[in-house]
């Protein structure tokens, strides 16, 4: 990330025509965005998930297949964004930042409703 900022700063100081600087800056910005996107995809551990009404998860983990897990407190639903905290049965904790569209995907809407309304262990009325 620092390399992207330094590269952009170096291009801004090039003594060339304004069109050359603008074009090279836009190209560098696109390159940095593509690199950041590929890093984000590699960072994500969970490829797919399934959620039951009792907050039991099934996670498809990269390279390991489907693994059982449980939703932890601290998970949050904010419109079309979900911060999902979980603990795998083996004890490993994890978190995923998930994005979806309530209006376009019925499964995403069902997922967020279950996550919001399900009674969590240790939580009383």
N, C-alpha and C. Protein backbone atom coordinates (compact mmCIF):
# COMPACT_ATOMS: atom_id res chain seq x y z
N UNK A 1 0.82 -1.19 0.00
CA UNK A 1 0.00 0.00 0.00
C UNK A 1 0.87 1.25 0.00
N UNK A 2 1.94 1.21 0.80
CA UNK A 2 2.85 2.34 0.85
C UNK A 2 3.51 2.55 -0.51
N UNK A 3 3.81 1.44 -1.20
CA UNK A 3 4.38 1.54 -2.54
C UNK A 3 3.45 2.23 -3.51
N UNK A 4 2.16 1.98 -3.38
CA UNK A 4 1.18 2.63 -4.23
C UNK A 4 1.13 4.13 -4.00
N UNK A 5 1.19 4.53 -2.75
CA UNK A 5 1.17 5.96 -2.42
C UNK A 5 2.45 6.64 -2.90
N UNK A 6 3.59 5.98 -2.68
CA UNK A 6 4.86 6.57 -3.12
C UNK A 6 4.93 6.65 -4.64
N UNK A 7 4.42 5.62 -5.33
CA UNK A 7 4.40 5.65 -6.79
C UNK A 7 3.54 6.78 -7.32
N UNK A 8 2.40 6.99 -6.69
CA UNK A 8 1.52 8.09 -7.10
C UNK A 8 2.18 9.44 -6.85
N UNK A 9 2.87 9.57 -5.70
CA UNK A 9 3.57 10.83 -5.40
C UNK A 9 4.70 11.06 -6.38
N UNK A 10 5.41 10.01 -6.77
CA UNK A 10 6.50 10.16 -7.74
C UNK A 10 5.96 10.61 -9.09
N UNK A 11 4.84 10.06 -9.50
CA UNK A 11 4.26 10.46 -10.79
C UNK A 11 3.77 11.90 -10.77
N UNK A 12 3.29 12.35 -9.61
CA UNK A 12 2.80 13.72 -9.51
C UNK A 12 3.94 14.73 -9.65
N UNK A 13 5.18 14.31 -9.38
CA UNK A 13 6.31 15.23 -9.47
C UNK A 13 7.05 15.15 -10.80
N UNK A 14 6.60 14.30 -11.71
CA UNK A 14 7.25 14.18 -13.02
C UNK A 14 7.07 15.48 -13.79
N UNK A 15 8.15 15.94 -14.37
CA UNK A 15 8.09 17.18 -15.14
C UNK A 15 7.76 16.83 -16.60
N UNK A 16 6.50 16.60 -16.84
CA UNK A 16 6.01 16.26 -18.18
C UNK A 16 4.69 16.98 -18.38
N UNK A 17 4.11 16.78 -19.52
CA UNK A 17 2.83 17.42 -19.80
C UNK A 17 1.75 16.92 -18.85
N UNK A 18 0.74 17.75 -18.64
CA UNK A 18 -0.35 17.41 -17.72
C UNK A 18 -1.09 16.15 -18.14
N UNK A 19 -1.25 15.94 -19.44
CA UNK A 19 -1.95 14.75 -19.93
C UNK A 19 -1.16 13.47 -19.62
N UNK A 20 0.17 13.54 -19.73
CA UNK A 20 1.01 12.38 -19.45
C UNK A 20 0.94 12.03 -17.97
N UNK A 21 1.02 13.02 -17.11
CA UNK A 21 0.96 12.79 -15.67
C UNK A 21 -0.42 12.25 -15.28
N UNK A 22 -1.47 12.83 -15.82
CA UNK A 22 -2.82 12.38 -15.50
C UNK A 22 -3.05 10.95 -15.97
N UNK A 23 -2.63 10.63 -17.19
CA UNK A 23 -2.81 9.28 -17.72
C UNK A 23 -2.02 8.26 -16.92
N UNK A 24 -0.76 8.56 -16.61
CA UNK A 24 0.05 7.61 -15.83
C UNK A 24 -0.48 7.47 -14.41
N UNK A 25 -1.01 8.54 -13.84
CA UNK A 25 -1.58 8.47 -12.49
C UNK A 25 -2.83 7.60 -12.46
N UNK A 26 -3.69 7.73 -13.45
CA UNK A 26 -4.89 6.90 -13.53
C UNK A 26 -4.51 5.44 -13.74
N UNK A 27 -3.55 5.17 -14.60
CA UNK A 27 -3.10 3.79 -14.83
C UNK A 27 -2.52 3.20 -13.55
N UNK A 28 -1.73 3.97 -12.82
CA UNK A 28 -1.15 3.50 -11.56
C UNK A 28 -2.25 3.24 -10.52
N UNK A 29 -3.24 4.09 -10.47
CA UNK A 29 -4.36 3.92 -9.54
C UNK A 29 -5.13 2.64 -9.85
N UNK A 30 -5.37 2.36 -11.13
CA UNK A 30 -6.06 1.13 -11.53
C UNK A 30 -5.23 -0.09 -11.16
N UNK A 31 -3.93 -0.04 -11.41
CA UNK A 31 -3.04 -1.14 -11.04
C UNK A 31 -3.08 -1.40 -9.54
N UNK A 32 -3.01 -0.35 -8.73
CA UNK A 32 -3.04 -0.50 -7.27
C UNK A 32 -4.38 -1.05 -6.80
N UNK A 33 -5.49 -0.61 -7.40
CA UNK A 33 -6.81 -1.12 -7.02
C UNK A 33 -6.93 -2.61 -7.35
N UNK A 34 -6.42 -3.02 -8.51
CA UNK A 34 -6.47 -4.44 -8.89
C UNK A 34 -5.61 -5.27 -7.93
N UNK A 35 -4.45 -4.76 -7.55
CA UNK A 35 -3.59 -5.47 -6.61
C UNK A 35 -4.26 -5.59 -5.24
N UNK A 36 -4.89 -4.53 -4.78
CA UNK A 36 -5.58 -4.57 -3.50
C UNK A 36 -6.75 -5.56 -3.54
N UNK A 37 -7.47 -5.61 -4.66
CA UNK A 37 -8.57 -6.56 -4.80
C UNK A 37 -8.10 -8.00 -4.75
N UNK A 38 -6.98 -8.30 -5.40
CA UNK A 38 -6.46 -9.66 -5.37
C UNK A 38 -5.96 -10.03 -3.97
N UNK A 39 -5.37 -9.07 -3.27
CA UNK A 39 -4.94 -9.35 -1.90
C UNK A 39 -6.14 -9.62 -1.00
N UNK A 40 -7.24 -8.89 -1.18
CA UNK A 40 -8.45 -9.08 -0.38
C UNK A 40 -9.01 -10.48 -0.59
N UNK A 41 -9.02 -10.95 -1.84
CA UNK A 41 -9.54 -12.29 -2.12
C UNK A 41 -8.67 -13.36 -1.49
N UNK A 42 -7.36 -13.17 -1.46
CA UNK A 42 -6.48 -14.16 -0.82
C UNK A 42 -6.63 -14.14 0.69
N UNK A 43 -6.96 -12.98 1.26
CA UNK A 43 -7.11 -12.84 2.70
C UNK A 43 -8.35 -13.56 3.20
N UNK A 44 -9.41 -13.52 2.41
CA UNK A 44 -10.65 -14.15 2.83
C UNK A 44 -10.46 -15.66 2.95
N UNK A 45 -10.77 -16.19 4.08
CA UNK A 45 -10.58 -17.62 4.36
C UNK A 45 -11.81 -18.43 3.98
N UNK A 46 -12.99 -17.89 4.22
CA UNK A 46 -14.24 -18.60 3.98
C UNK A 46 -14.77 -18.28 2.59
N UNK A 47 -15.02 -19.32 1.80
CA UNK A 47 -15.55 -19.12 0.46
C UNK A 47 -17.07 -19.03 0.46
N UNK A 48 -17.73 -19.94 1.19
CA UNK A 48 -19.19 -19.95 1.30
C UNK A 48 -19.57 -20.34 2.71
N UNK A 49 -20.82 -20.02 3.10
CA UNK A 49 -21.29 -20.41 4.41
C UNK A 49 -22.77 -20.70 4.38
N UNK A 50 -23.20 -21.49 5.36
CA UNK A 50 -24.62 -21.78 5.56
C UNK A 50 -24.92 -21.51 7.03
N UNK A 51 -26.07 -20.88 7.29
CA UNK A 51 -26.46 -20.53 8.65
C UNK A 51 -27.81 -21.14 8.96
N UNK A 52 -27.91 -21.86 10.09
CA UNK A 52 -29.18 -22.40 10.57
C UNK A 52 -29.80 -21.42 11.54
N UNK A 53 -31.08 -21.60 11.86
CA UNK A 53 -31.78 -20.70 12.77
C UNK A 53 -31.20 -20.74 14.18
N UNK A 54 -30.51 -21.81 14.57
CA UNK A 54 -29.91 -21.90 15.90
C UNK A 54 -28.46 -21.38 15.92
N UNK A 55 -28.07 -20.63 14.91
CA UNK A 55 -26.76 -20.00 14.78
C UNK A 55 -25.62 -20.99 14.60
N UNK A 56 -25.93 -22.17 14.11
CA UNK A 56 -24.90 -23.14 13.71
C UNK A 56 -24.50 -22.81 12.28
N UNK A 57 -23.21 -22.76 12.03
CA UNK A 57 -22.69 -22.44 10.70
C UNK A 57 -22.04 -23.66 10.08
N UNK A 58 -22.05 -23.68 8.78
CA UNK A 58 -21.20 -24.59 8.02
C UNK A 58 -20.37 -23.69 7.11
N UNK A 59 -19.06 -23.71 7.27
CA UNK A 59 -18.17 -22.84 6.52
C UNK A 59 -17.40 -23.66 5.50
N UNK A 60 -17.37 -23.19 4.26
CA UNK A 60 -16.49 -23.81 3.28
C UNK A 60 -15.18 -23.04 3.30
N UNK A 61 -14.18 -23.64 3.94
CA UNK A 61 -12.88 -23.00 4.13
C UNK A 61 -11.97 -23.38 2.97
N UNK A 62 -11.23 -22.42 2.48
CA UNK A 62 -10.31 -22.67 1.36
C UNK A 62 -9.37 -23.82 1.69
N UNK A 63 -9.39 -24.84 0.85
CA UNK A 63 -8.48 -25.97 0.98
C UNK A 63 -8.85 -27.00 2.05
N UNK A 64 -9.90 -26.75 2.85
CA UNK A 64 -10.26 -27.67 3.92
C UNK A 64 -11.67 -28.23 3.80
N UNK A 65 -12.46 -27.75 2.88
CA UNK A 65 -13.84 -28.22 2.73
C UNK A 65 -14.76 -27.59 3.75
N UNK A 66 -15.90 -28.24 3.98
CA UNK A 66 -16.92 -27.71 4.91
C UNK A 66 -16.54 -28.05 6.34
N UNK A 67 -16.64 -27.03 7.23
CA UNK A 67 -16.31 -27.21 8.64
C UNK A 67 -17.44 -26.62 9.48
N UNK A 68 -17.83 -27.28 10.58
CA UNK A 68 -18.88 -26.73 11.45
C UNK A 68 -18.33 -25.59 12.31
N UNK A 69 -19.20 -24.63 12.62
CA UNK A 69 -18.81 -23.49 13.45
C UNK A 69 -20.04 -22.94 14.16
N UNK A 70 -19.82 -21.98 15.03
CA UNK A 70 -20.88 -21.35 15.80
C UNK A 70 -20.69 -19.84 15.75
N UNK A 71 -21.78 -19.09 15.60
CA UNK A 71 -21.73 -17.62 15.59
C UNK A 71 -21.44 -17.12 17.00
N UNK A 72 -20.54 -16.16 17.11
CA UNK A 72 -20.18 -15.57 18.40
C UNK A 72 -20.86 -14.21 18.58
N UNK A 73 -20.96 -13.79 19.84
CA UNK A 73 -21.42 -12.43 20.11
C UNK A 73 -20.44 -11.45 19.49
N UNK A 74 -20.93 -10.31 19.11
CA UNK A 74 -20.09 -9.32 18.45
C UNK A 74 -20.31 -9.30 16.95
N UNK A 75 -21.07 -10.26 16.44
CA UNK A 75 -21.45 -10.21 15.02
C UNK A 75 -22.46 -9.09 14.85
N UNK A 76 -22.41 -8.41 13.73
CA UNK A 76 -23.28 -7.25 13.52
C UNK A 76 -23.81 -7.24 12.10
N UNK A 77 -25.08 -6.81 11.96
CA UNK A 77 -25.70 -6.64 10.66
C UNK A 77 -25.98 -5.16 10.48
N UNK A 78 -25.40 -4.58 9.46
CA UNK A 78 -25.60 -3.15 9.16
C UNK A 78 -26.07 -3.02 7.72
N UNK A 79 -27.37 -3.18 7.52
CA UNK A 79 -27.91 -3.08 6.17
C UNK A 79 -27.40 -4.19 5.28
N UNK A 80 -26.61 -3.84 4.30
CA UNK A 80 -26.08 -4.80 3.34
C UNK A 80 -24.67 -5.28 3.71
N UNK A 81 -24.22 -4.97 4.91
CA UNK A 81 -22.89 -5.38 5.37
C UNK A 81 -23.06 -6.18 6.66
N UNK A 82 -22.33 -7.30 6.75
CA UNK A 82 -22.37 -8.13 7.95
C UNK A 82 -20.94 -8.36 8.44
N UNK A 83 -20.74 -8.12 9.73
CA UNK A 83 -19.49 -8.50 10.39
C UNK A 83 -19.82 -9.77 11.15
N UNK A 84 -19.29 -10.90 10.68
CA UNK A 84 -19.62 -12.20 11.23
C UNK A 84 -18.44 -12.75 12.02
N UNK A 85 -18.64 -12.91 13.33
CA UNK A 85 -17.63 -13.55 14.19
C UNK A 85 -18.06 -14.98 14.43
N UNK A 86 -17.13 -15.91 14.38
CA UNK A 86 -17.47 -17.31 14.55
C UNK A 86 -16.33 -18.05 15.25
N UNK A 87 -16.68 -19.24 15.77
CA UNK A 87 -15.69 -20.13 16.35
C UNK A 87 -15.91 -21.50 15.72
N UNK A 88 -14.85 -22.03 15.12
CA UNK A 88 -14.93 -23.37 14.57
C UNK A 88 -14.96 -24.38 15.70
N UNK A 89 -15.47 -25.57 15.42
CA UNK A 89 -15.59 -26.60 16.45
C UNK A 89 -14.23 -26.93 17.06
N UNK A 90 -13.16 -26.83 16.29
CA UNK A 90 -11.81 -27.08 16.81
C UNK A 90 -11.29 -25.99 17.73
N UNK A 91 -12.00 -24.87 17.86
CA UNK A 91 -11.60 -23.80 18.76
C UNK A 91 -11.07 -22.56 18.07
N UNK A 92 -10.76 -22.64 16.78
CA UNK A 92 -10.22 -21.48 16.07
C UNK A 92 -11.31 -20.43 15.90
N UNK A 93 -11.00 -19.17 16.28
CA UNK A 93 -11.93 -18.07 16.09
C UNK A 93 -11.61 -17.36 14.79
N UNK A 94 -12.63 -16.77 14.20
CA UNK A 94 -12.43 -16.03 12.97
C UNK A 94 -13.50 -14.97 12.80
N UNK A 95 -13.32 -14.13 11.81
CA UNK A 95 -14.29 -13.09 11.49
C UNK A 95 -14.25 -12.86 9.99
N UNK A 96 -15.38 -12.53 9.44
CA UNK A 96 -15.49 -12.23 8.02
C UNK A 96 -16.33 -10.98 7.84
N UNK A 97 -15.91 -10.12 6.94
CA UNK A 97 -16.70 -8.97 6.54
C UNK A 97 -17.40 -9.35 5.25
N UNK A 98 -18.74 -9.41 5.29
CA UNK A 98 -19.53 -9.90 4.16
C UNK A 98 -20.37 -8.77 3.58
N UNK A 99 -20.52 -8.78 2.27
CA UNK A 99 -21.32 -7.79 1.57
C UNK A 99 -22.40 -8.49 0.77
N UNK A 100 -23.59 -7.94 0.72
CA UNK A 100 -24.68 -8.52 -0.05
C UNK A 100 -25.71 -7.45 -0.38
N UNK A 101 -26.76 -7.87 -1.05
CA UNK A 101 -27.84 -6.95 -1.42
C UNK A 101 -29.16 -7.57 -1.01
N UNK A 102 -29.85 -6.90 -0.08
CA UNK A 102 -31.12 -7.41 0.43
C UNK A 102 -32.17 -7.52 -0.66
N UNK A 103 -32.23 -6.55 -1.51
CA UNK A 103 -33.30 -6.52 -2.52
C UNK A 103 -33.03 -7.49 -3.67
N UNK A 104 -31.79 -7.72 -4.00
CA UNK A 104 -31.45 -8.56 -5.15
C UNK A 104 -31.35 -10.04 -4.81
N UNK A 105 -31.03 -10.36 -3.57
CA UNK A 105 -30.76 -11.76 -3.20
C UNK A 105 -31.62 -12.15 -2.00
N UNK A 106 -32.56 -13.05 -2.23
CA UNK A 106 -33.45 -13.48 -1.16
C UNK A 106 -32.68 -14.25 -0.09
N UNK A 107 -31.66 -15.02 -0.49
CA UNK A 107 -30.85 -15.76 0.47
C UNK A 107 -30.10 -14.84 1.42
N UNK A 108 -29.60 -13.71 0.90
CA UNK A 108 -28.89 -12.74 1.74
C UNK A 108 -29.85 -12.13 2.76
N UNK A 109 -31.06 -11.80 2.32
CA UNK A 109 -32.05 -11.23 3.23
C UNK A 109 -32.38 -12.23 4.34
N UNK A 110 -32.58 -13.49 3.97
CA UNK A 110 -32.88 -14.54 4.95
C UNK A 110 -31.72 -14.68 5.95
N UNK A 111 -30.50 -14.64 5.45
CA UNK A 111 -29.30 -14.73 6.29
C UNK A 111 -29.26 -13.60 7.31
N UNK A 112 -29.50 -12.36 6.87
CA UNK A 112 -29.42 -11.23 7.79
C UNK A 112 -30.56 -11.26 8.81
N UNK A 113 -31.75 -11.69 8.39
CA UNK A 113 -32.87 -11.77 9.33
C UNK A 113 -32.59 -12.81 10.41
N UNK A 114 -32.09 -13.98 10.02
CA UNK A 114 -31.75 -15.02 11.00
C UNK A 114 -30.69 -14.50 11.96
N UNK A 115 -29.70 -13.84 11.44
CA UNK A 115 -28.61 -13.34 12.28
C UNK A 115 -29.10 -12.27 13.25
N UNK A 116 -30.03 -11.43 12.81
CA UNK A 116 -30.56 -10.38 13.69
C UNK A 116 -31.48 -10.93 14.77
N UNK A 117 -32.34 -11.86 14.40
CA UNK A 117 -33.42 -12.27 15.29
C UNK A 117 -33.13 -13.51 16.12
N UNK A 118 -32.15 -14.29 15.75
CA UNK A 118 -31.88 -15.54 16.48
C UNK A 118 -31.46 -15.22 17.91
N UNK A 119 -31.94 -16.04 18.83
CA UNK A 119 -31.59 -15.85 20.22
C UNK A 119 -30.21 -16.45 20.47
N UNK A 120 -29.30 -15.66 20.97
CA UNK A 120 -27.94 -16.13 21.21
C UNK A 120 -27.83 -16.68 22.62
N UNK A 121 -26.97 -17.67 22.82
CA UNK A 121 -26.78 -18.23 24.16
C UNK A 121 -26.33 -17.15 25.15
N UNK A 122 -26.90 -17.17 26.33
CA UNK A 122 -26.50 -16.22 27.36
C UNK A 122 -27.22 -14.87 27.25
N UNK A 123 -28.05 -14.71 26.26
CA UNK A 123 -28.77 -13.45 26.08
C UNK A 123 -30.22 -13.66 26.54
N UNK A 124 -30.60 -12.96 27.57
CA UNK A 124 -31.98 -13.06 28.05
C UNK A 124 -32.84 -11.95 27.50
N UNK A 125 -34.17 -12.05 27.66
CA UNK A 125 -35.06 -10.98 27.15
C UNK A 125 -34.94 -9.71 27.95
